[in-house]
Protein backbone atom coordinates (compact mmCIF):
# COMPACT_ATOMS: atom_id res chain seq x y z
CA MET A 1 -5.23 -23.70 -31.85
CA THR A 2 -2.92 -20.72 -31.36
CA LEU A 3 -3.50 -19.39 -27.86
CA PRO A 4 -3.87 -15.58 -27.82
CA LEU A 5 -1.24 -13.33 -26.24
CA VAL A 6 -1.44 -9.67 -25.25
CA GLU A 7 1.51 -7.38 -24.58
CA PRO A 8 2.42 -6.36 -20.99
CA ASP A 9 0.73 -2.95 -21.29
CA LEU A 10 0.13 -0.88 -18.14
CA GLU A 11 -3.04 0.38 -19.77
CA TRP A 12 -4.66 -2.88 -18.62
CA LEU A 13 -4.07 -1.73 -15.03
CA ARG A 14 -5.22 1.82 -15.69
CA GLN A 15 -8.47 0.45 -17.09
CA GLY A 16 -8.99 -1.74 -14.03
CA ARG A 17 -9.03 -4.86 -16.19
CA ARG A 18 -9.65 -8.04 -14.21
CA LEU A 19 -6.51 -10.19 -14.00
CA ILE A 20 -6.36 -13.88 -13.09
CA ASP A 21 -3.11 -14.84 -11.36
CA VAL A 22 -2.56 -18.59 -11.74
CA ARG A 23 0.62 -18.71 -9.63
CA ALA A 24 0.59 -20.57 -6.32
CA PRO A 25 -0.87 -18.77 -3.26
CA VAL A 26 2.58 -18.39 -1.67
CA GLU A 27 3.72 -16.41 -4.71
CA PHE A 28 0.56 -14.32 -4.79
CA VAL A 29 0.86 -13.13 -1.17
CA GLN A 30 4.45 -12.04 -1.81
CA GLY A 31 3.17 -9.57 -4.41
CA ALA A 32 0.56 -9.52 -7.16
CA LEU A 33 -0.53 -7.14 -9.89
CA PRO A 34 -3.15 -4.53 -8.93
CA GLY A 35 -6.66 -5.85 -9.41
CA ALA A 36 -5.62 -9.50 -9.65
CA ILE A 37 -7.39 -12.47 -8.10
CA ASN A 38 -5.55 -15.68 -7.29
CA LEU A 39 -6.96 -18.81 -8.94
CA PRO A 40 -3.88 -21.04 -9.02
CA LEU A 41 -3.06 -23.90 -11.33
CA MET A 42 -1.22 -25.59 -8.43
CA ASP A 43 -1.44 -25.10 -4.70
CA ASP A 44 1.68 -24.49 -2.62
CA GLU A 45 2.45 -28.15 -1.92
CA GLU A 46 1.91 -29.20 -5.54
CA ARG A 47 4.17 -26.38 -6.69
CA ARG A 48 6.83 -27.44 -4.19
CA GLN A 49 6.81 -31.02 -5.43
CA VAL A 50 6.93 -29.97 -9.09
CA GLY A 51 9.79 -27.57 -8.34
CA ILE A 52 11.86 -30.33 -6.74
CA CYS A 53 11.16 -32.61 -9.68
CA TYR A 54 12.19 -29.89 -12.13
CA LYS A 55 15.55 -29.42 -10.42
CA GLN A 56 16.25 -33.13 -10.15
CA GLU A 57 14.77 -34.54 -13.36
CA GLY A 58 14.11 -31.63 -15.75
CA GLN A 59 11.14 -29.88 -17.32
CA GLN A 60 9.37 -32.81 -18.98
CA ALA A 61 9.37 -34.87 -15.80
CA ALA A 62 8.07 -31.85 -13.86
CA ILE A 63 5.25 -31.32 -16.37
CA ALA A 64 4.30 -34.97 -16.13
CA LEU A 65 4.23 -34.80 -12.33
CA GLY A 66 2.07 -31.68 -12.46
CA GLN A 67 -0.41 -33.46 -14.72
CA ARG A 68 -0.60 -36.36 -12.28
CA LEU A 69 -1.08 -34.06 -9.27
CA VAL A 70 -3.69 -31.80 -10.88
CA THR A 71 -6.08 -34.27 -12.39
CA GLY A 72 -9.57 -35.67 -11.94
CA GLY A 73 -11.69 -33.78 -9.42
CA ILE A 74 -8.89 -31.31 -8.60
CA ARG A 75 -8.60 -30.29 -12.23
CA ARG A 76 -12.39 -30.01 -12.61
CA SER A 77 -12.72 -27.81 -9.53
CA ARG A 78 -9.97 -25.44 -10.68
CA LEU A 79 -11.39 -25.28 -14.18
CA ALA A 80 -14.80 -24.47 -12.68
CA ALA A 81 -13.25 -21.62 -10.66
CA TRP A 82 -11.67 -20.12 -13.79
CA GLU A 83 -14.93 -20.48 -15.72
CA GLN A 84 -16.88 -18.78 -12.92
CA ALA A 85 -14.41 -15.87 -12.84
CA LEU A 86 -14.56 -15.48 -16.61
CA GLU A 87 -18.35 -15.57 -16.58
CA ALA A 88 -18.24 -12.53 -14.28
CA HIS A 89 -15.34 -10.89 -16.17
CA PRO A 90 -15.30 -12.09 -19.80
CA ASP A 91 -12.44 -9.74 -20.73
CA ALA A 92 -10.09 -10.95 -17.96
CA LEU A 93 -6.43 -11.62 -18.70
CA ILE A 94 -4.45 -14.60 -17.42
CA TYR A 95 -0.88 -14.45 -16.16
CA CYS A 96 1.71 -16.51 -14.32
CA TYR A 97 5.26 -15.59 -13.32
CA ARG A 98 6.72 -15.14 -16.79
CA GLY A 99 3.63 -15.70 -18.92
CA GLY A 100 4.84 -19.14 -19.85
CA LEU A 101 3.98 -22.69 -19.03
CA ARG A 102 1.44 -22.38 -16.22
CA SER A 103 -0.71 -19.70 -17.84
CA GLN A 104 -0.45 -21.56 -21.17
CA ILE A 105 -1.72 -24.77 -19.54
CA VAL A 106 -4.66 -22.85 -18.04
CA GLN A 107 -5.37 -21.33 -21.45
CA GLN A 108 -5.33 -24.76 -23.07
CA TRP A 109 -7.65 -26.30 -20.50
CA LEU A 110 -10.06 -23.40 -20.96
CA ALA A 111 -9.81 -23.69 -24.74
CA ASP A 112 -10.60 -27.40 -24.47
CA ALA A 113 -13.73 -26.34 -22.56
CA GLY A 114 -14.64 -23.91 -25.33
CA ILE A 115 -13.30 -20.68 -23.72
CA VAL A 116 -10.51 -18.85 -25.55
CA GLN A 117 -8.87 -16.37 -23.18
CA PRO A 118 -5.68 -14.30 -23.65
CA ARG A 119 -2.63 -14.39 -21.39
CA ILE A 120 -0.10 -11.63 -20.79
CA ARG A 121 3.21 -12.05 -22.60
CA GLY A 122 5.99 -12.03 -20.03
CA GLY A 123 3.43 -12.37 -17.22
CA TRP A 124 3.91 -10.94 -13.75
CA LYS A 125 7.60 -10.25 -14.27
CA ALA A 126 7.12 -8.08 -17.36
CA MET A 127 4.27 -6.11 -15.82
CA ARG A 128 6.23 -5.56 -12.61
CA GLN A 129 9.22 -4.28 -14.55
CA ALA A 130 6.93 -1.80 -16.30
CA LEU A 131 5.45 -0.60 -12.99
CA CYS A 132 8.89 -0.20 -11.40
CA SER A 133 10.07 1.69 -14.48
CA ARG A 134 7.19 4.10 -13.91
CA ILE A 135 8.49 4.79 -10.38
CA ASP A 136 12.05 5.28 -11.64
CA ALA A 137 10.78 7.69 -14.32
CA ALA A 138 8.86 9.68 -11.69
CA ALA A 139 12.10 10.04 -9.70
CA GLU A 140 13.59 11.90 -12.67
CA ARG A 141 10.73 14.39 -12.95
CA PRO A 142 10.01 17.51 -10.85
CA LEU A 143 9.04 16.59 -7.29
CA LEU A 144 7.68 18.72 -4.43
CA VAL A 145 7.66 17.54 -0.80
CA ILE A 146 5.06 18.73 1.74
CA GLY A 147 6.32 18.84 5.33
CA GLY A 148 5.01 20.08 8.65
CA LEU A 149 4.30 19.10 12.24
CA THR A 150 2.10 16.10 13.00
CA GLY A 151 -1.58 16.96 12.62
CA CYS A 152 -1.16 19.55 9.85
CA ALA A 153 -3.29 17.45 7.44
CA LYS A 154 -0.48 16.98 4.95
CA THR A 155 -2.08 13.83 3.57
CA GLU A 156 -5.35 15.65 2.89
CA LEU A 157 -3.40 18.36 1.09
CA ILE A 158 -1.72 15.74 -1.12
CA GLN A 159 -5.11 14.24 -1.89
CA GLN A 160 -6.39 17.59 -3.14
CA LEU A 161 -3.77 17.67 -5.90
CA ASP A 162 -4.01 16.01 -9.30
CA THR A 163 -0.27 15.38 -9.07
CA GLY A 164 -0.36 14.06 -5.49
CA LEU A 165 1.06 10.65 -4.63
CA ASP A 166 -0.25 9.44 -1.27
CA LEU A 167 2.54 7.15 -0.08
CA GLU A 168 0.74 6.42 3.19
CA ALA A 169 -2.30 5.14 1.31
CA CYS A 170 -0.05 2.88 -0.77
CA ALA A 171 1.53 1.59 2.45
CA ARG A 172 -1.76 1.39 4.39
CA HIS A 173 0.05 3.17 7.23
CA LYS A 174 0.15 6.77 8.44
CA GLY A 175 3.90 6.74 8.87
CA SER A 176 3.98 7.07 12.66
CA ALA A 177 3.85 4.88 15.76
CA PHE A 178 0.07 5.34 15.80
CA GLY A 179 -0.36 5.01 12.07
CA ARG A 180 -0.83 1.25 11.76
CA HIS A 181 -3.85 0.36 9.64
CA PRO A 182 -6.31 -2.21 11.03
CA LEU A 183 -6.13 -4.17 7.78
CA PRO A 184 -2.99 -6.18 6.92
CA ALA A 185 -0.03 -4.21 5.61
CA PRO A 186 0.88 -4.80 1.96
CA ALA A 187 3.90 -6.78 0.90
CA GLN A 188 6.80 -4.61 -0.29
CA ILE A 189 6.03 -5.61 -3.88
CA ASP A 190 2.36 -4.67 -3.52
CA PHE A 191 3.37 -1.29 -2.09
CA GLU A 192 5.60 -0.63 -5.09
CA HIS A 193 2.85 -1.75 -7.45
CA ALA A 194 0.38 0.61 -5.76
CA MET A 195 2.88 3.45 -6.24
CA GLY A 196 3.35 2.55 -9.90
CA LEU A 197 -0.40 2.31 -10.48
CA ARG A 198 -1.02 5.77 -9.00
CA LEU A 199 1.83 7.21 -11.07
CA LEU A 200 0.07 6.06 -14.24
CA SER A 201 -2.25 9.02 -13.62
CA VAL A 202 0.62 11.40 -12.76
CA PRO A 203 2.67 11.62 -15.96
CA GLY A 204 4.40 14.88 -15.08
CA PRO A 205 5.45 16.55 -11.81
CA CYS A 206 4.59 14.87 -8.53
CA VAL A 207 3.82 16.07 -4.98
CA VAL A 208 4.41 13.83 -1.95
CA GLU A 209 4.36 14.10 1.81
CA ASP A 210 7.62 14.30 3.74
CA GLU A 211 8.19 10.73 4.95
CA SER A 212 11.01 8.65 6.27
CA ARG A 213 12.06 5.92 3.87
CA HIS A 214 10.31 3.36 6.09
CA ILE A 215 6.51 3.65 6.17
CA GLY A 216 5.16 0.94 8.43
CA THR A 217 6.53 -2.35 7.14
CA VAL A 218 7.54 -1.15 3.67
CA ASN A 219 10.31 1.00 2.18
CA VAL A 220 10.10 3.74 -0.44
CA PRO A 221 12.10 2.56 -3.50
CA LEU A 222 15.64 3.89 -3.24
CA ALA A 223 15.74 5.99 -6.43
CA PHE A 224 12.46 7.69 -5.53
CA TRP A 225 13.62 8.23 -1.95
CA HIS A 226 16.81 9.94 -3.14
CA ALA A 227 14.65 12.18 -5.35
CA MET A 228 12.52 13.07 -2.31
CA GLU A 229 15.64 14.02 -0.36
CA ARG A 230 16.79 16.35 -3.16
CA ALA A 231 13.37 17.87 -3.85
CA PRO A 232 12.24 21.37 -2.83
CA ARG A 233 9.95 21.58 0.18
CA VAL A 234 6.88 23.35 1.51
CA ARG A 235 6.07 23.47 5.25
CA VAL A 236 2.53 23.61 6.63
CA GLU A 237 2.15 25.42 9.96
CA MET A 238 -1.12 25.25 11.92
CA PRO A 239 -1.99 26.08 15.56
CA LEU A 240 -2.00 23.36 18.21
CA ASP A 241 -5.78 23.21 18.70
CA TRP A 242 -6.30 22.76 14.95
CA ARG A 243 -3.68 19.98 14.81
CA LEU A 244 -5.11 18.29 17.89
CA ALA A 245 -8.52 18.10 16.22
CA ARG A 246 -6.92 16.49 13.15
CA ILE A 247 -5.02 13.97 15.26
CA HIS A 248 -8.20 13.09 17.13
CA LYS A 249 -9.94 12.47 13.82
CA ASP A 250 -7.08 10.33 12.47
CA TYR A 251 -6.15 8.36 15.58
CA ILE A 252 -9.59 7.98 17.16
CA GLU A 253 -12.59 8.71 14.91
CA ASP A 254 -11.32 7.28 11.63
CA LEU A 255 -9.59 4.37 13.35
CA TRP A 256 -12.76 3.46 15.26
CA ALA A 257 -14.85 3.62 12.08
CA ILE A 258 -12.52 1.13 10.38
CA TYR A 259 -12.35 -1.25 13.35
CA ALA A 260 -16.09 -1.17 13.98
CA GLY A 261 -16.86 -1.68 10.30
CA GLN A 262 -14.36 -4.51 9.93
CA TYR A 263 -14.82 -6.41 13.20
CA GLY A 264 -18.02 -5.17 14.82
CA GLU A 265 -18.28 -2.99 17.91
CA TRP A 266 -17.21 -5.44 20.63
CA LEU A 267 -14.14 -6.96 18.96
CA GLY A 268 -13.37 -3.72 17.11
CA TRP A 269 -13.20 -1.79 20.40
CA ALA A 270 -10.89 -4.38 21.97
CA LEU A 271 -8.57 -4.37 18.95
CA MET A 272 -8.51 -0.58 18.76
CA ARG A 273 -7.59 -0.31 22.46
CA LYS A 274 -4.87 -2.88 21.97
CA GLN A 275 -3.41 -1.01 18.99
CA LEU A 276 -3.38 2.41 20.68
CA SER A 277 -2.00 1.16 24.00
CA GLY A 278 0.63 -0.91 22.18
CA ALA A 279 1.67 2.07 20.06
CA LEU A 280 2.13 4.20 23.16
CA GLY A 281 4.11 1.46 24.89
CA ARG A 282 6.53 1.24 21.98
CA LEU A 283 7.59 4.84 22.67
CA ARG A 284 9.09 3.93 26.06
CA LYS A 285 12.70 4.64 25.05
CA ARG A 286 11.84 8.04 23.58
CA LEU A 287 9.40 9.17 26.26
CA GLY A 288 11.11 7.79 29.34
CA SER A 289 9.41 5.69 32.00
CA ALA A 290 7.83 8.52 34.02
CA ARG A 291 6.36 10.36 31.02
CA LEU A 292 5.14 7.12 29.48
CA ALA A 293 3.42 6.09 32.72
CA ARG A 294 1.63 9.46 32.87
CA LEU A 295 0.43 9.19 29.28
CA GLN A 296 -0.67 5.60 29.80
CA ARG A 297 -2.79 6.64 32.78
CA LEU A 298 -4.37 9.42 30.74
CA GLN A 299 -4.98 7.03 27.86
CA GLN A 300 -6.71 4.46 30.08
CA LEU A 301 -8.91 7.17 31.59
CA ALA A 302 -9.78 8.33 28.09
CA PHE A 303 -10.81 4.80 27.10
CA ARG A 304 -13.20 4.69 30.07
CA GLU A 305 -14.62 8.10 29.19
CA HIS A 306 -14.98 7.04 25.55
CA GLU A 307 -17.01 4.02 26.66
CA GLN A 308 -19.29 6.43 28.51
CA GLY A 309 -19.88 8.45 25.34
CA ASN A 310 -17.09 11.04 25.56
CA PRO A 311 -14.55 10.36 22.78
CA GLN A 312 -13.09 13.86 23.21
CA ALA A 313 -11.43 12.63 26.40
CA HIS A 314 -8.58 11.31 24.28
CA GLU A 315 -7.31 14.84 23.87
CA ALA A 316 -5.92 14.56 27.42
CA TRP A 317 -3.19 12.21 26.18
CA LEU A 318 -3.05 13.25 22.52
CA ALA A 319 -2.14 16.86 23.34
CA PRO A 320 1.01 16.02 25.37
CA LEU A 321 1.86 13.35 22.80
CA LEU A 322 2.01 16.15 20.21
CA THR A 323 3.85 18.72 22.29
CA GLU A 324 6.23 16.39 24.18
CA TYR A 325 7.00 13.78 21.52
CA TYR A 326 6.07 14.54 17.92
CA ASP A 327 6.83 18.27 17.81
CA PRO A 328 10.32 18.07 19.38
CA MET A 329 11.18 15.11 17.16
CA TYR A 330 10.15 16.97 14.00
CA ARG A 331 12.04 20.13 14.99
CA TYR A 332 15.14 18.06 15.75
CA GLN A 333 14.92 16.46 12.31
CA LEU A 334 14.56 19.90 10.71
CA GLU A 335 17.72 21.14 12.41
CA LYS A 336 19.59 17.94 11.55
CA GLN A 337 18.60 17.99 7.88
CA ASP A 338 19.07 21.75 7.45
CA LYS A 339 16.33 21.89 4.79
CA THR A 340 15.21 25.09 3.10
CA PHE A 341 11.58 25.68 2.16
CA LEU A 342 10.11 27.33 -0.92
CA HIS A 343 7.06 28.32 1.11
CA VAL A 344 5.97 28.24 4.76
CA GLY A 345 2.36 29.00 5.65
CA ASP A 346 -1.01 27.71 6.73
CA TRP A 347 -2.78 24.78 5.08
CA ASP A 348 -4.70 26.83 2.52
CA SER A 349 -1.68 28.85 1.42
CA CYS A 350 0.43 25.70 1.08
CA LEU A 351 -2.25 24.07 -1.04
CA ALA A 352 -2.39 27.15 -3.26
CA PHE A 353 1.40 27.20 -3.54
CA ALA A 354 1.53 23.50 -4.45
CA ARG A 355 -1.12 23.99 -7.15
CA ASP A 356 0.77 26.92 -8.59
CA TRP A 357 4.02 24.92 -8.48
CA GLN A 358 2.53 21.98 -10.36
CA ASP A 359 1.03 24.29 -12.99
CA ARG A 360 4.45 25.86 -13.64
CA GLN A 361 6.28 22.58 -14.17
CA PRO A 362 6.95 21.12 -17.62
CA GLN A 363 4.66 18.21 -18.42
């Protein structure tokens, strides 16, 4: 039987097609395709042994070893997992690293069980190249950068735009010392894939938030970062009380909702306190010992007040954090970069300007 192949088309990702990644778990955690589940042909140790055999004795010996390692009950359990996934998603596509031997073996075992399922030609590598090409292409198109002081709701502005690319969402990080997401950060590859996936829906101009190249644990791809540095800018300006309310929502309300939903109230509260106190402590060099000690006291008092039903108490340490740390740092960066802005105004006027800008760009 000729086993079916499909081309490495990004339309599969746009459609949200279920993908079955048959690489080993260690490969999967280093970066997978969006929407993929990991149902490996070999576990990490089996893959390691087969890899050593391949280097020392060649492909045929490695294949034979793999067949000996994945046999009997192990083979039946893995076949059952693939069958269960395909029962839930009959149109799923199979892939391995290059769409070669491993995915072909899985196809053959499924075919022997009466299930004919396609694999992606070129596998993970071909699809990744296509996603990265999408990012490189976006770097060559018109780009607008939204800047402004911390708390100006720049991310929300990006999210209002059809052409917006939310880099912080792709990174699962808000791009600041207090921006760490409670859920694990993505691998660099997964971050790039999330960018590429979003850009499938942004074929023309693109609007992004002003970020450093490093967002949490990941880096903006170099070509796209250089495009951001060259791009025209808009600056949002909002009063302190408005920004303080936004910071409170981001750093306290939204963070608590995620922690409580993920871990429950008791453990979620302990983890949230640990994250916020740790984030403040990491600013020691920038704040200085005396200022840090003052903010830490205010933060601990706010935690106690929060436990008593007064979450607004956090404003006592968030306000000086804005005025004594974030605002001076942003203004210093502005002076250092010597950037010019196409428009400076409040949130609504910047949103209107960005919409008008995107409408005027060639598609």
